[in-house]
């Protein structure tokens, strides 16, 4: 049964506390994440690309898009800025000129090797405030919420 939402009862809907908690959790997480990454002069999107490319011999834009949270329209700009910082370079594939691989430069590899374990360690320390069962339950519920909106 779907509730009819009107102007009079919209602010009383029982989904509002969940929405607020979800947004508050997302804002807290992204704020913490961004503060941690500033140490490396990276935005969260730039770190997402560097960390995704780490331990690979490069990925195409399509592959990066599949493994990150970055939209296709944003990815080109993120890669451009990483290239300006000397952290990645584009390598054209001779067999298909439309297919460009993005690879970490030696400077990018050094940053990945230094930043990735430290960053994941900082996140792990925060998530350890939840016991393993709580982390599994949170994951299950967040996946269920994501499915509701797809």
C-alpha atoms as a PDB file:
ATOM      1  CA  UNK A   1       0.000   0.000   0.000  1.00  0.00           C
ATOM      2  CA  UNK A   2       1.405   3.378  -1.045  1.00  0.00           C
ATOM      3  CA  UNK A   3       0.706   6.391   1.107  1.00  0.00           C
ATOM      4  CA  UNK A   4      -0.658   9.424  -0.682  1.00  0.00           C
ATOM      5  CA  UNK A   5       1.727  12.244   0.082  1.00  0.00           C
ATOM      6  CA  UNK A   6       0.282  15.716   0.165  1.00  0.00           C
ATOM      7  CA  UNK A   7       1.626  19.084   1.139  1.00  0.00           C
ATOM      8  CA  UNK A   8      -0.072  18.670   4.511  1.00  0.00           C
ATOM      9  CA  UNK A   9       1.534  15.327   5.385  1.00  0.00           C
ATOM     10  CA  UNK A  10       4.840  15.388   3.444  1.00  0.00           C
ATOM     11  CA  UNK A  11       6.902  16.502   6.438  1.00  0.00           C
ATOM     12  CA  UNK A  12       5.454  13.677   8.542  1.00  0.00           C
ATOM     13  CA  UNK A  13       6.519  10.777   6.313  1.00  0.00           C
ATOM     14  CA  UNK A  14       8.415   8.041   8.126  1.00  0.00           C
ATOM     15  CA  UNK A  15      11.107   7.897   5.422  1.00  0.00           C
ATOM     16  CA  UNK A  16      12.502  11.297   6.446  1.00  0.00           C
ATOM     17  CA  UNK A  17      14.609  10.130   9.437  1.00  0.00           C
ATOM     18  CA  UNK A  18      16.188   7.416   7.237  1.00  0.00           C
ATOM     19  CA  UNK A  19      16.886   9.940   4.473  1.00  0.00           C
ATOM     20  CA  UNK A  20      18.472  12.345   6.947  1.00  0.00           C
ATOM     21  CA  UNK A  21      20.591   9.606   8.520  1.00  0.00           C
ATOM     22  CA  UNK A  22      21.722   8.387   5.104  1.00  0.00           C
ATOM     23  CA  UNK A  23      22.682  11.892   3.990  1.00  0.00           C
ATOM     24  CA  UNK A  24      24.406  12.636   7.315  1.00  0.00           C
ATOM     25  CA  UNK A  25      26.418   9.397   7.051  1.00  0.00           C
ATOM     26  CA  UNK A  26      27.373  10.168   3.446  1.00  0.00           C
ATOM     27  CA  UNK A  27      28.425  13.727   4.326  1.00  0.00           C
ATOM     28  CA  UNK A  28      30.470  12.536   7.311  1.00  0.00           C
ATOM     29  CA  UNK A  29      32.166   9.847   5.231  1.00  0.00           C
ATOM     30  CA  UNK A  30      32.934  12.070   2.246  1.00  0.00           C
ATOM     31  CA  UNK A  31      34.190  14.858   4.495  1.00  0.00           C
ATOM     32  CA  UNK A  32      36.554  12.490   6.309  1.00  0.00           C
ATOM     33  CA  UNK A  33      37.658  10.952   2.995  1.00  0.00           C
ATOM     34  CA  UNK A  34      38.378  14.347   1.406  1.00  0.00           C
ATOM     35  CA  UNK A  35      40.338  15.556   4.457  1.00  0.00           C
ATOM     36  CA  UNK A  36      42.508  12.436   4.368  1.00  0.00           C
ATOM     37  CA  UNK A  37      43.220  12.817   0.647  1.00  0.00           C
ATOM     38  CA  UNK A  38      44.233  16.487   0.890  1.00  0.00           C
ATOM     39  CA  UNK A  39      47.499  15.250   2.394  1.00  0.00           C
ATOM     40  CA  UNK A  40      48.309  13.857  -1.056  1.00  0.00           C
ATOM     41  CA  UNK A  41      46.910  16.842  -3.001  1.00  0.00           C
ATOM     42  CA  UNK A  42      44.154  14.636  -4.428  1.00  0.00           C
ATOM     43  CA  UNK A  43      40.424  15.043  -4.690  1.00  0.00           C
ATOM     44  CA  UNK A  44      38.331  11.953  -3.921  1.00  0.00           C
ATOM     45  CA  UNK A  45      37.735  11.431  -7.666  1.00  0.00           C
ATOM     46  CA  UNK A  46      41.442  11.732  -8.445  1.00  0.00           C
ATOM     47  CA  UNK A  47      42.290   9.273  -5.667  1.00  0.00           C
ATOM     48  CA  UNK A  48      39.625   6.896  -6.960  1.00  0.00           C
ATOM     49  CA  UNK A  49      41.374   6.835 -10.362  1.00  0.00           C
ATOM     50  CA  UNK A  50      44.903   6.532  -8.927  1.00  0.00           C
ATOM     51  CA  UNK A  51      43.844   3.757  -6.541  1.00  0.00           C
ATOM     52  CA  UNK A  52      41.985   1.945  -9.338  1.00  0.00           C
ATOM     53  CA  UNK A  53      45.005   2.120 -11.645  1.00  0.00           C
ATOM     54  CA  UNK A  54      47.384   0.928  -8.923  1.00  0.00           C
ATOM     55  CA  UNK A  55      48.705  -2.608  -9.407  1.00  0.00           C
ATOM     56  CA  UNK A  56      47.565  -2.604 -13.070  1.00  0.00           C
ATOM     57  CA  UNK A  57      49.407  -1.911 -16.297  1.00  0.00           C
ATOM     58  CA  UNK A  58      46.769   0.642 -17.171  1.00  0.00           C
ATOM     59  CA  UNK A  59      43.078   0.653 -17.949  1.00  0.00           C
ATOM     60  CA  UNK A  60      40.906   2.126 -20.664  1.00  0.00           C
ATOM     61  CA  UNK A  61      38.511   4.927 -19.820  1.00  0.00           C
ATOM     62  CA  UNK A  62      35.673   2.413 -20.023  1.00  0.00           C
ATOM     63  CA  UNK A  63      37.384   0.081 -17.563  1.00  0.00           C
ATOM     64  CA  UNK A  64      38.099   2.932 -15.156  1.00  0.00           C
ATOM     65  CA  UNK A  65      34.443   3.946 -15.366  1.00  0.00           C
ATOM     66  CA  UNK A  66      33.346   0.396 -14.504  1.00  0.00           C
ATOM     67  CA  UNK A  67      35.560   0.267 -11.409  1.00  0.00           C
ATOM     68  CA  UNK A  68      35.045   3.755  -9.993  1.00  0.00           C
ATOM     69  CA  UNK A  69      32.219   5.991  -8.864  1.00  0.00           C
ATOM     70  CA  UNK A  70      33.077   8.595 -11.506  1.00  0.00           C
ATOM     71  CA  UNK A  71      30.665   9.413 -14.311  1.00  0.00           C
ATOM     72  CA  UNK A  72      31.927   9.192 -17.881  1.00  0.00           C
ATOM     73  CA  UNK A  73      31.511  12.936 -18.377  1.00  0.00           C
ATOM     74  CA  UNK A  74      33.668  13.728 -15.351  1.00  0.00           C
ATOM     75  CA  UNK A  75      36.361  11.118 -15.951  1.00  0.00           C
ATOM     76  CA  UNK A  76      38.121  12.947 -18.788  1.00  0.00           C
ATOM     77  CA  UNK A  77      38.602  16.053 -16.635  1.00  0.00           C
ATOM     78  CA  UNK A  78      39.847  13.992 -13.686  1.00  0.00           C
ATOM     79  CA  UNK A  79      42.397  12.223 -15.899  1.00  0.00           C
ATOM     80  CA  UNK A  80      43.431  15.574 -17.423  1.00  0.00           C
ATOM     81  CA  UNK A  81      44.164  16.988 -13.954  1.00  0.00           C
ATOM     82  CA  UNK A  82      46.075  13.856 -12.923  1.00  0.00           C
ATOM     83  CA  UNK A  83      48.131  14.123 -16.125  1.00  0.00           C
ATOM     84  CA  UNK A  84      48.885  17.789 -15.329  1.00  0.00           C
ATOM     85  CA  UNK A  85      50.166  16.633 -11.919  1.00  0.00           C
ATOM     86  CA  UNK A  86      52.402  14.085 -13.649  1.00  0.00           C
ATOM     87  CA  UNK A  87      50.623  11.123 -12.047  1.00  0.00           C
ATOM     88  CA  UNK A  88      49.137   9.468 -15.159  1.00  0.00           C
ATOM     89  CA  UNK A  89      49.683   9.423 -18.881  1.00  0.00           C
ATOM     90  CA  UNK A  90      47.557   8.356 -21.817  1.00  0.00           C
ATOM     91  CA  UNK A  91      48.786   5.577 -24.081  1.00  0.00           C
ATOM     92  CA  UNK A  92      47.062   5.175 -27.440  1.00  0.00           C
ATOM     93  CA  UNK A  93      46.466   1.607 -28.518  1.00  0.00           C
ATOM     94  CA  UNK A  94      47.876   1.052 -32.010  1.00  0.00           C
ATOM     95  CA  UNK A  95      45.224  -1.533 -32.879  1.00  0.00           C
ATOM     96  CA  UNK A  96      42.346   0.811 -32.026  1.00  0.00           C
ATOM     97  CA  UNK A  97      43.054   4.530 -31.906  1.00  0.00           C
ATOM     98  CA  UNK A  98      39.692   5.141 -30.215  1.00  0.00           C
ATOM     99  CA  UNK A  99      40.865   3.064 -27.261  1.00  0.00           C
ATOM    100  CA  UNK A 100      43.244   4.933 -24.978  1.00  0.00           C
ATOM    101  CA  UNK A 101      44.766   3.379 -21.880  1.00  0.00           C
ATOM    102  CA  UNK A 102      45.529   5.437 -18.810  1.00  0.00           C
ATOM    103  CA  UNK A 103      48.613   4.351 -16.897  1.00  0.00           C
ATOM    104  CA  UNK A 104      50.296   5.574 -13.759  1.00  0.00           C
ATOM    105  CA  UNK A 105      53.623   7.326 -14.260  1.00  0.00           C
ATOM    106  CA  UNK A 106      56.503   6.414 -11.932  1.00  0.00           C
ATOM    107  CA  UNK A 107      55.436   9.382  -9.802  1.00  0.00           C
ATOM    108  CA  UNK A 108      51.854   8.038  -9.798  1.00  0.00           C
ATOM    109  CA  UNK A 109      53.056   4.575  -8.783  1.00  0.00           C
ATOM    110  CA  UNK A 110      55.042   6.063  -5.901  1.00  0.00           C
ATOM    111  CA  UNK A 111      51.987   8.020  -4.756  1.00  0.00           C
ATOM    112  CA  UNK A 112      49.771   4.924  -5.002  1.00  0.00           C
ATOM    113  CA  UNK A 113      52.227   2.819  -2.994  1.00  0.00           C
ATOM    114  CA  UNK A 114      52.443   5.489  -0.280  1.00  0.00           C
ATOM    115  CA  UNK A 115      48.858   6.751  -0.149  1.00  0.00           C
ATOM    116  CA  UNK A 116      46.657   3.706  -0.790  1.00  0.00           C
ATOM    117  CA  UNK A 117      47.597   1.604   2.259  1.00  0.00           C
ATOM    118  CA  UNK A 118      47.582   4.645   4.545  1.00  0.00           C
ATOM    119  CA  UNK A 119      44.206   5.813   3.293  1.00  0.00           C
ATOM    120  CA  UNK A 120      42.605   2.376   3.553  1.00  0.00           C
ATOM    121  CA  UNK A 121      44.133   2.040   7.030  1.00  0.00           C
ATOM    122  CA  UNK A 122      42.521   5.321   8.115  1.00  0.00           C
ATOM    123  CA  UNK A 123      39.144   4.187   6.782  1.00  0.00           C
ATOM    124  CA  UNK A 124      39.525   0.734   8.358  1.00  0.00           C
ATOM    125  CA  UNK A 125      40.226   2.334  11.735  1.00  0.00           C
ATOM    126  CA  UNK A 126      36.933   4.217  11.502  1.00  0.00           C
ATOM    127  CA  UNK A 127      34.925   1.211  10.342  1.00  0.00           C
ATOM    128  CA  UNK A 128      36.344  -0.821  13.250  1.00  0.00           C
ATOM    129  CA  UNK A 129      34.045   1.216  15.503  1.00  0.00           C
ATOM    130  CA  UNK A 130      31.420  -1.218  14.184  1.00  0.00           C
ATOM    131  CA  UNK A 131      31.804  -4.908  14.975  1.00  0.00           C
ATOM    132  CA  UNK A 132      31.966  -7.346  12.031  1.00  0.00           C
ATOM    133  CA  UNK A 133      28.268  -8.245  12.305  1.00  0.00           C
ATOM    134  CA  UNK A 134      27.304  -4.548  12.243  1.00  0.00           C
ATOM    135  CA  UNK A 135      29.479  -3.960   9.165  1.00  0.00           C
ATOM    136  CA  UNK A 136      27.847  -6.895   7.377  1.00  0.00           C
ATOM    137  CA  UNK A 137      24.366  -5.669   8.343  1.00  0.00           C
ATOM    138  CA  UNK A 138      25.166  -2.095   7.260  1.00  0.00           C
ATOM    139  CA  UNK A 139      26.440  -3.406   3.926  1.00  0.00           C
ATOM    140  CA  UNK A 140      23.320  -5.509   3.445  1.00  0.00           C
ATOM    141  CA  UNK A 141      21.001  -2.612   4.229  1.00  0.00           C
ATOM    142  CA  UNK A 142      22.876  -0.126   2.052  1.00  0.00           C
ATOM    143  CA  UNK A 143      22.808  -2.577  -0.861  1.00  0.00           C
ATOM    144  CA  UNK A 144      19.062  -3.006  -0.315  1.00  0.00           C
ATOM    145  CA  UNK A 145      18.535   0.768  -0.253  1.00  0.00           C
ATOM    146  CA  UNK A 146      20.578   1.132  -3.458  1.00  0.00           C
ATOM    147  CA  UNK A 147      18.443  -1.527  -5.151  1.00  0.00           C
ATOM    148  CA  UNK A 148      15.232   0.307  -4.208  1.00  0.00           C
ATOM    149  CA  UNK A 149      16.387   3.329  -6.210  1.00  0.00           C
ATOM    150  CA  UNK A 150      17.596   1.509  -9.317  1.00  0.00           C
END
